[in-house]
C-alpha atoms as a PDB file:
ATOM      1  CA  TYR A   1      99.397 124.195 104.338  1.00  0.00           C
ATOM      2  CA  ASP A   2      97.203 126.849 106.988  1.00  0.00           C
ATOM      3  CA  ASP A   3      94.499 127.323 105.100  1.00  0.00           C
ATOM      4  CA  LYS A   4      96.596 128.611 102.157  1.00  0.00           C
ATOM      5  CA  LEU A   5      96.928 127.172  99.055  1.00  0.00           C
ATOM      6  CA  ILE A   6     100.650 126.634  97.908  1.00  0.00           C
ATOM      7  CA  ALA A   7     100.122 124.443  95.128  1.00  0.00           C
ATOM      8  CA  GLU A   8      98.360 122.277  93.397  1.00  0.00           C
ATOM      9  CA  ARG A   9      97.979 120.154  89.184  1.00  0.00           C
ATOM     10  CA  TYR A  10      95.736 118.868  87.048  1.00  0.00           C
ATOM     11  CA  ALA A  11      95.144 116.534  84.623  1.00  0.00           C
ATOM     12  CA  PRO A  12      95.664 118.054  80.744  1.00  0.00           C
ATOM     13  CA  ASP A  13      92.192 119.984  79.979  1.00  0.00           C
ATOM     14  CA  ILE A  14      91.270 120.335  83.683  1.00  0.00           C
ATOM     15  CA  THR A  15      91.583 123.815  85.817  1.00  0.00           C
ATOM     16  CA  LYS A  16      91.245 125.218  88.553  1.00  0.00           C
ATOM     17  CA  GLU A  17      87.453 126.127  87.699  1.00  0.00           C
ATOM     18  CA  THR A  18      86.274 123.017  85.899  1.00  0.00           C
ATOM     19  CA  LYS A  19      83.612 121.480  87.224  1.00  0.00           C
ATOM     20  CA  LEU A  20      84.561 117.733  88.979  1.00  0.00           C
ATOM     21  CA  LEU A  21      81.539 115.207  89.185  1.00  0.00           C
ATOM     22  CA  GLY A  22      82.306 114.154  92.529  1.00  0.00           C
ATOM     23  CA  TRP A  23      80.249 111.222  92.637  1.00  0.00           C
ATOM     24  CA  SER A  24      79.806 109.551  96.226  1.00  0.00           C
ATOM     25  CA  MET A  25      81.440 112.657  97.705  1.00  0.00           C
ATOM     26  CA  THR A  26      77.939 114.525  97.107  1.00  0.00           C
ATOM     27  CA  LYS A  27      76.324 112.408  99.914  1.00  0.00           C
ATOM     28  CA  SER A  28      78.998 113.965 102.723  1.00  0.00           C
ATOM     29  CA  VAL A  29      77.371 117.010 100.527  1.00  0.00           C
ATOM     30  CA  THR A  30      73.725 116.466 101.533  1.00  0.00           C
ATOM     31  CA  ALA A  31      75.166 115.688 105.315  1.00  0.00           C
ATOM     32  CA  THR A  32      76.594 119.057 104.794  1.00  0.00           C
ATOM     33  CA  LEU A  33      73.502 120.126 104.403  1.00  0.00           C
ATOM     34  CA  LEU A  34      71.250 118.043 106.849  1.00  0.00           C
ATOM     35  CA  GLY A  35      73.990 119.178 109.034  1.00  0.00           C
ATOM     36  CA  VAL A  36      72.871 123.427 108.185  1.00  0.00           C
ATOM     37  CA  LEU A  37      69.918 122.659 108.858  1.00  0.00           C
ATOM     38  CA  VAL A  38      70.065 120.567 112.216  1.00  0.00           C
ATOM     39  CA  GLY A  39      72.171 123.720 112.549  1.00  0.00           C
ATOM     40  CA  GLN A  40      68.564 125.783 112.814  1.00  0.00           C
ATOM     41  CA  ASN A  41      66.809 123.216 114.866  1.00  0.00           C
ATOM     42  CA  HIS A  42      64.847 122.576 111.585  1.00  0.00           C
ATOM     43  CA  LEU A  43      65.490 118.826 112.198  1.00  0.00           C
ATOM     44  CA  ASP A  44      66.928 116.230 114.664  1.00  0.00           C
ATOM     45  CA  VAL A  45      68.353 113.246 113.463  1.00  0.00           C
ATOM     46  CA  HIS A  46      67.226 111.404 116.285  1.00  0.00           C
ATOM     47  CA  ALA A  47      63.856 111.517 115.314  1.00  0.00           C
ATOM     48  CA  LYS A  48      61.475 109.126 112.882  1.00  0.00           C
ATOM     49  CA  ALA A  49      62.384 110.017 109.086  1.00  0.00           C
ATOM     50  CA  PRO A  50      59.886 111.942 107.904  1.00  0.00           C
ATOM     51  CA  ILE A  51      58.597 109.733 104.765  1.00  0.00           C
ATOM     52  CA  ALA A  52      54.617 110.057 104.591  1.00  0.00           C
ATOM     53  CA  ALA A  53      54.577 106.553 102.874  1.00  0.00           C
ATOM     54  CA  TRP A  54      56.141 104.866 105.639  1.00  0.00           C
ATOM     55  CA  GLN A  55      52.947 106.836 107.913  1.00  0.00           C
ATOM     56  CA  GLY A  56      50.763 103.742 107.228  1.00  0.00           C
ATOM     57  CA  GLU A  57      49.033 101.224 109.833  1.00  0.00           C
ATOM     58  CA  GLY A  58      51.600  98.354 111.120  1.00  0.00           C
ATOM     59  CA  ASP A  59      55.141  99.304 108.703  1.00  0.00           C
ATOM     60  CA  PRO A  60      57.873  98.991 110.625  1.00  0.00           C
ATOM     61  CA  ARG A  61      59.349 100.952 107.865  1.00  0.00           C
ATOM     62  CA  SER A  62      57.358 104.108 109.970  1.00  0.00           C
ATOM     63  CA  GLU A  63      60.687 103.525 112.777  1.00  0.00           C
ATOM     64  CA  ILE A  64      63.077 104.281 111.123  1.00  0.00           C
ATOM     65  CA  THR A  65      65.466 107.655 112.050  1.00  0.00           C
ATOM     66  CA  ILE A  66      66.835 109.682 110.438  1.00  0.00           C
ATOM     67  CA  ASP A  67      70.208 108.591 112.020  1.00  0.00           C
ATOM     68  CA  GLN A  68      69.932 105.275 110.931  1.00  0.00           C
ATOM     69  CA  LEU A  69      69.297 106.344 107.159  1.00  0.00           C
ATOM     70  CA  MET A  70      72.899 108.807 107.537  1.00  0.00           C
ATOM     71  CA  ARG A  71      73.991 106.058 109.191  1.00  0.00           C
ATOM     72  CA  MET A  72      72.940 102.966 106.232  1.00  0.00           C
ATOM     73  CA  SER A  73      71.339 100.648 108.546  1.00  0.00           C
ATOM     74  CA  SER A  74      67.471 101.877 107.745  1.00  0.00           C
ATOM     75  CA  GLY A  75      67.773  97.804 106.663  1.00  0.00           C
ATOM     76  CA  LEU A  76      66.040  98.878 103.628  1.00  0.00           C
ATOM     77  CA  ALA A  77      66.475  96.715 100.637  1.00  0.00           C
ATOM     78  CA  PHE A  78      68.822  98.104  97.938  1.00  0.00           C
ATOM     79  CA  GLU A  79      71.000  96.685  95.419  1.00  0.00           C
ATOM     80  CA  GLU A  80      74.316  99.236  95.158  1.00  0.00           C
ATOM     81  CA  VAL A  81      75.457  97.415  92.317  1.00  0.00           C
ATOM     82  CA  TYR A  82      77.119  98.738  88.833  1.00  0.00           C
ATOM     83  CA  GLY A  83      77.576  97.208  85.358  1.00  0.00           C
ATOM     84  CA  PRO A  84      74.932  95.539  85.025  1.00  0.00           C
ATOM     85  CA  MET A  85      71.247  96.818  85.420  1.00  0.00           C
ATOM     86  CA  SER A  86      70.872  97.160  89.691  1.00  0.00           C
ATOM     87  CA  ASP A  87      68.535  98.731  91.871  1.00  0.00           C
ATOM     88  CA  ALA A  88      71.744 101.621  91.523  1.00  0.00           C
ATOM     89  CA  THR A  89      71.761 102.570  87.715  1.00  0.00           C
ATOM     90  CA  THR A  90      67.676 102.180  87.357  1.00  0.00           C
ATOM     91  CA  MET A  91      67.629 104.860  90.170  1.00  0.00           C
ATOM     92  CA  LEU A  92      69.658 107.082  88.671  1.00  0.00           C
ATOM     93  CA  TYR A  93      69.417 106.781  84.866  1.00  0.00           C
ATOM     94  CA  GLN A  94      65.958 105.322  84.343  1.00  0.00           C
ATOM     95  CA  VAL A  95      63.486 106.700  86.782  1.00  0.00           C
ATOM     96  CA  PRO A  96      62.114 110.261  87.316  1.00  0.00           C
ATOM     97  CA  ASP A  97      61.715 110.623  90.901  1.00  0.00           C
ATOM     98  CA  ALA A  98      64.950 108.755  92.614  1.00  0.00           C
ATOM     99  CA  ALA A  99      64.167 109.110  96.457  1.00  0.00           C
ATOM    100  CA  ALA A 100      60.851 107.519  95.065  1.00  0.00           C
ATOM    101  CA  MET A 101      61.938 103.927  94.329  1.00  0.00           C
ATOM    102  CA  ALA A 102      64.357 104.060  97.475  1.00  0.00           C
ATOM    103  CA  ILE A 103      61.317 104.937  99.528  1.00  0.00           C
ATOM    104  CA  ASP A 104      58.789 102.707  98.465  1.00  0.00           C
ATOM    105  CA  LYS A 105      61.595  99.304  99.661  1.00  0.00           C
ATOM    106  CA  PRO A 106      60.978  97.106 101.677  1.00  0.00           C
ATOM    107  CA  LEU A 107      63.345  95.818 104.762  1.00  0.00           C
ATOM    108  CA  VAL A 108      64.815  93.627 104.414  1.00  0.00           C
ATOM    109  CA  GLY A 109      65.626  93.833 108.287  1.00  0.00           C
ATOM    110  CA  PRO A 110      65.144  95.405 111.870  1.00  0.00           C
ATOM    111  CA  PRO A 111      66.576  98.765 111.411  1.00  0.00           C
ATOM    112  CA  ASP A 112      70.081  99.395 112.820  1.00  0.00           C
ATOM    113  CA  SER A 113      70.029  95.101 112.792  1.00  0.00           C
ATOM    114  CA  VAL A 114      72.256  95.991 109.176  1.00  0.00           C
ATOM    115  CA  TRP A 115      74.664  97.765 107.559  1.00  0.00           C
ATOM    116  CA  SER A 116      73.891  98.316 103.729  1.00  0.00           C
ATOM    117  CA  TYR A 117      76.164 101.218 101.412  1.00  0.00           C
ATOM    118  CA  SER A 118      72.794 102.780  99.739  1.00  0.00           C
ATOM    119  CA  SER A 119      72.440 105.471  96.828  1.00  0.00           C
ATOM    120  CA  GLY A 120      69.020 104.629  97.637  1.00  0.00           C
ATOM    121  CA  THR A 121      69.497 105.829 101.385  1.00  0.00           C
ATOM    122  CA  THR A 122      71.116 109.442 100.436  1.00  0.00           C
ATOM    123  CA  ASN A 123      68.307 110.075  97.699  1.00  0.00           C
ATOM    124  CA  ILE A 124      66.092 109.573 100.814  1.00  0.00           C
ATOM    125  CA  LEU A 125      68.083 112.162 102.712  1.00  0.00           C
ATOM    126  CA  ALA A 126      67.806 114.731  99.605  1.00  0.00           C
ATOM    127  CA  LYS A 127      64.297 114.307  99.353  1.00  0.00           C
ATOM    128  CA  ILE A 128      63.681 115.022 103.398  1.00  0.00           C
ATOM    129  CA  ILE A 129      66.450 117.671 102.963  1.00  0.00           C
ATOM    130  CA  ARG A 130      63.488 119.366  99.867  1.00  0.00           C
ATOM    131  CA  ASP A 131      60.531 118.753 102.038  1.00  0.00           C
ATOM    132  CA  THR A 132      62.584 120.870 105.010  1.00  0.00           C
ATOM    133  CA  VAL A 133      63.542 123.965 102.946  1.00  0.00           C
ATOM    134  CA  GLU A 134      60.191 124.267 101.033  1.00  0.00           C
ATOM    135  CA  ALA A 135      58.581 123.758 104.334  1.00  0.00           C
ATOM    136  CA  ASN A 136      60.630 126.970 105.765  1.00  0.00           C
ATOM    137  CA  TYR A 137      61.646 128.937 102.904  1.00  0.00           C
ATOM    138  CA  GLY A 138      58.980 128.344 100.586  1.00  0.00           C
ATOM    139  CA  GLU A 139      58.067 126.065  97.825  1.00  0.00           C
ATOM    140  CA  HIS A 140      60.625 126.138  95.230  1.00  0.00           C
ATOM    141  CA  ALA A 141      63.842 127.383  97.814  1.00  0.00           C
ATOM    142  CA  ASN A 142      65.538 123.694  97.802  1.00  0.00           C
ATOM    143  CA  TRP A 143      66.434 125.083  94.552  1.00  0.00           C
ATOM    144  CA  GLY A 144      68.718 127.917  96.469  1.00  0.00           C
ATOM    145  CA  PHE A 145      69.143 126.465  99.245  1.00  0.00           C
ATOM    146  CA  PRO A 146      72.730 124.956  98.655  1.00  0.00           C
ATOM    147  CA  ARG A 147      74.127 128.291  97.270  1.00  0.00           C
ATOM    148  CA  THR A 148      72.458 129.959  99.547  1.00  0.00           C
ATOM    149  CA  HIS A 149      73.338 128.728 103.031  1.00  0.00           C
ATOM    150  CA  LEU A 150      76.937 126.161 102.276  1.00  0.00           C
ATOM    151  CA  PHE A 151      78.555 127.058  98.863  1.00  0.00           C
ATOM    152  CA  ASP A 152      78.723 130.988  99.298  1.00  0.00           C
ATOM    153  CA  VAL A 153      79.391 131.240 102.661  1.00  0.00           C
ATOM    154  CA  ILE A 154      83.064 129.129 102.240  1.00  0.00           C
ATOM    155  CA  GLY A 155      82.991 130.357  98.754  1.00  0.00           C
ATOM    156  CA  MET A 156      81.910 127.495  96.307  1.00  0.00           C
ATOM    157  CA  THR A 157      81.797 128.663  93.416  1.00  0.00           C
ATOM    158  CA  HIS A 158      82.424 126.674  90.595  1.00  0.00           C
ATOM    159  CA  THR A 159      79.543 124.523  92.431  1.00  0.00           C
ATOM    160  CA  LEU A 160      76.530 122.601  90.783  1.00  0.00           C
ATOM    161  CA  CYS A 161      74.662 119.488  91.980  1.00  0.00           C
ATOM    162  CA  GLU A 162      71.610 118.731  90.065  1.00  0.00           C
ATOM    163  CA  PRO A 163      68.859 117.383  90.285  1.00  0.00           C
ATOM    164  CA  ASP A 164      65.982 114.810  88.926  1.00  0.00           C
ATOM    165  CA  PRO A 165      63.600 115.189  86.515  1.00  0.00           C
ATOM    166  CA  SER A 166      61.380 115.380  90.362  1.00  0.00           C
ATOM    167  CA  GLY A 167      63.276 118.569  91.084  1.00  0.00           C
ATOM    168  CA  THR A 168      64.827 116.431  94.041  1.00  0.00           C
ATOM    169  CA  LEU A 169      68.420 116.763  93.951  1.00  0.00           C
ATOM    170  CA  ILE A 170      70.230 113.891  93.659  1.00  0.00           C
ATOM    171  CA  GLY A 171      72.243 113.265  96.819  1.00  0.00           C
ATOM    172  CA  SER A 172      73.978 110.541  96.523  1.00  0.00           C
ATOM    173  CA  SER A 173      75.999 111.038  93.751  1.00  0.00           C
ATOM    174  CA  SER A 174      75.912 113.833  91.501  1.00  0.00           C
ATOM    175  CA  CYS A 175      77.356 117.325  92.792  1.00  0.00           C
ATOM    176  CA  TYR A 176      79.959 118.447  90.233  1.00  0.00           C
ATOM    177  CA  ALA A 177      82.941 120.940  91.555  1.00  0.00           C
ATOM    178  CA  SER A 178      86.194 122.071  91.504  1.00  0.00           C
ATOM    179  CA  GLY A 179      88.678 120.580  93.647  1.00  0.00           C
ATOM    180  CA  ARG A 180      89.529 123.706  94.841  1.00  0.00           C
ATOM    181  CA  ASP A 181      85.671 123.478  95.674  1.00  0.00           C
ATOM    182  CA  TRP A 182      86.492 119.725  97.344  1.00  0.00           C
ATOM    183  CA  ALA A 183      88.775 121.344  99.676  1.00  0.00           C
ATOM    184  CA  ARG A 184      86.658 123.444 101.193  1.00  0.00           C
ATOM    185  CA  VAL A 185      84.264 121.156 101.533  1.00  0.00           C
ATOM    186  CA  GLY A 186      87.290 119.196 103.924  1.00  0.00           C
ATOM    187  CA  LEU A 187      88.289 122.353 105.201  1.00  0.00           C
ATOM    188  CA  LEU A 188      84.918 123.042 106.551  1.00  0.00           C
ATOM    189  CA  HIS A 189      85.107 119.924 108.520  1.00  0.00           C
ATOM    190  CA  LEU A 190      88.683 120.149 109.861  1.00  0.00           C
ATOM    191  CA  HIS A 191      87.814 123.247 111.455  1.00  0.00           C
ATOM    192  CA  ASP A 192      84.682 121.620 113.199  1.00  0.00           C
ATOM    193  CA  GLY A 193      82.357 123.483 110.754  1.00  0.00           C
ATOM    194  CA  VAL A 194      83.965 126.839 111.204  1.00  0.00           C
ATOM    195  CA  TRP A 195      84.646 129.353 108.598  1.00  0.00           C
ATOM    196  CA  LYS A 196      85.781 131.973 108.987  1.00  0.00           C
ATOM    197  CA  GLY A 197      84.726 132.754 112.614  1.00  0.00           C
ATOM    198  CA  GLU A 198      80.956 131.781 111.582  1.00  0.00           C
ATOM    199  CA  ARG A 199      79.601 129.058 112.642  1.00  0.00           C
ATOM    200  CA  VAL A 200      78.367 126.971 109.329  1.00  0.00           C
ATOM    201  CA  LEU A 201      77.657 123.357 110.971  1.00  0.00           C
ATOM    202  CA  PRO A 202      76.584 122.778 115.033  1.00  0.00           C
ATOM    203  CA  LYS A 203      78.562 122.004 117.118  1.00  0.00           C
ATOM    204  CA  GLY A 204      79.801 118.659 117.234  1.00  0.00           C
ATOM    205  CA  TRP A 205      78.360 117.919 113.972  1.00  0.00           C
ATOM    206  CA  VAL A 206      81.767 117.264 112.708  1.00  0.00           C
ATOM    207  CA  ASP A 207      81.863 114.843 115.736  1.00  0.00           C
ATOM    208  CA  TYR A 208      79.017 113.331 114.597  1.00  0.00           C
ATOM    209  CA  VAL A 209      79.234 112.488 111.036  1.00  0.00           C
ATOM    210  CA  ARG A 210      82.728 110.785 111.737  1.00  0.00           C
ATOM    211  CA  THR A 211      82.240 108.543 114.544  1.00  0.00           C
ATOM    212  CA  PRO A 212      82.179 104.873 112.396  1.00  0.00           C
ATOM    213  CA  THR A 213      79.210 102.938 112.432  1.00  0.00           C
ATOM    214  CA  ALA A 214      78.703  99.112 114.206  1.00  0.00           C
ATOM    215  CA  GLY A 215      77.969  97.345 111.912  1.00  0.00           C
ATOM    216  CA  SER A 216      79.885  98.830 108.677  1.00  0.00           C
ATOM    217  CA  PRO A 217      83.247  97.232 107.279  1.00  0.00           C
ATOM    218  CA  GLU A 218      86.153  97.532 109.837  1.00  0.00           C
ATOM    219  CA  ALA A 219      83.958  99.851 111.634  1.00  0.00           C
ATOM    220  CA  ASN A 220      85.274 102.872 108.832  1.00  0.00           C
ATOM    221  CA  TYR A 221      81.478 104.501 108.097  1.00  0.00           C
ATOM    222  CA  GLY A 222      80.344 107.503 109.452  1.00  0.00           C
ATOM    223  CA  ALA A 223      76.799 109.532 108.727  1.00  0.00           C
ATOM    224  CA  GLN A 224      77.159 109.481 105.281  1.00  0.00           C
ATOM    225  CA  TRP A 225      81.278 110.008 105.430  1.00  0.00           C
ATOM    226  CA  TRP A 226      84.323 107.422 105.439  1.00  0.00           C
ATOM    227  CA  THR A 227      85.813 107.634 108.054  1.00  0.00           C
END
């Protein structure tokens, strides 16, 4: 209440420091890291996605924007099913490069013509983040970037995000954080991306990620955030 923790309760064997797997809440962390890079003028969400594999002559995927990836409206094929083996489970558990698998998918429709929830799409964004960070901060900088530019800034001291074997963070699914740390992500957005007077996210970013995407179910999905 009023930015102060007034109560908490945990299940047996869980404490205020236990790192809890966020699954798709990780997508919103990925969006937040992308917002940090936008605020640093390293990315423009309305630009074409900088994916080299899509730049071949006549490849319609070259028209996909970062915004369309953010909004699950890229038109890329991806089977988001759990239980039987699917694109999602194969990507998370059987391939060494999650982003590469998603990048290789064909279009099922022109960008912005179809909405389809896709963890593959988020891992493409994670690859864009990695490439952008390494281009601006040096090779292997992606390992430290989330902590230096987000987690330490807002006091997420019990957070760990796992990479796939290729070294790219599994931006769709694999951040572990304490309950308090997950709450800090929420508070950052509650305060329009400002933390203790410091602007962490660019002005307007929170409104952007929470603006409903046309075509999403009941217009309840923004940009890597359920609204």
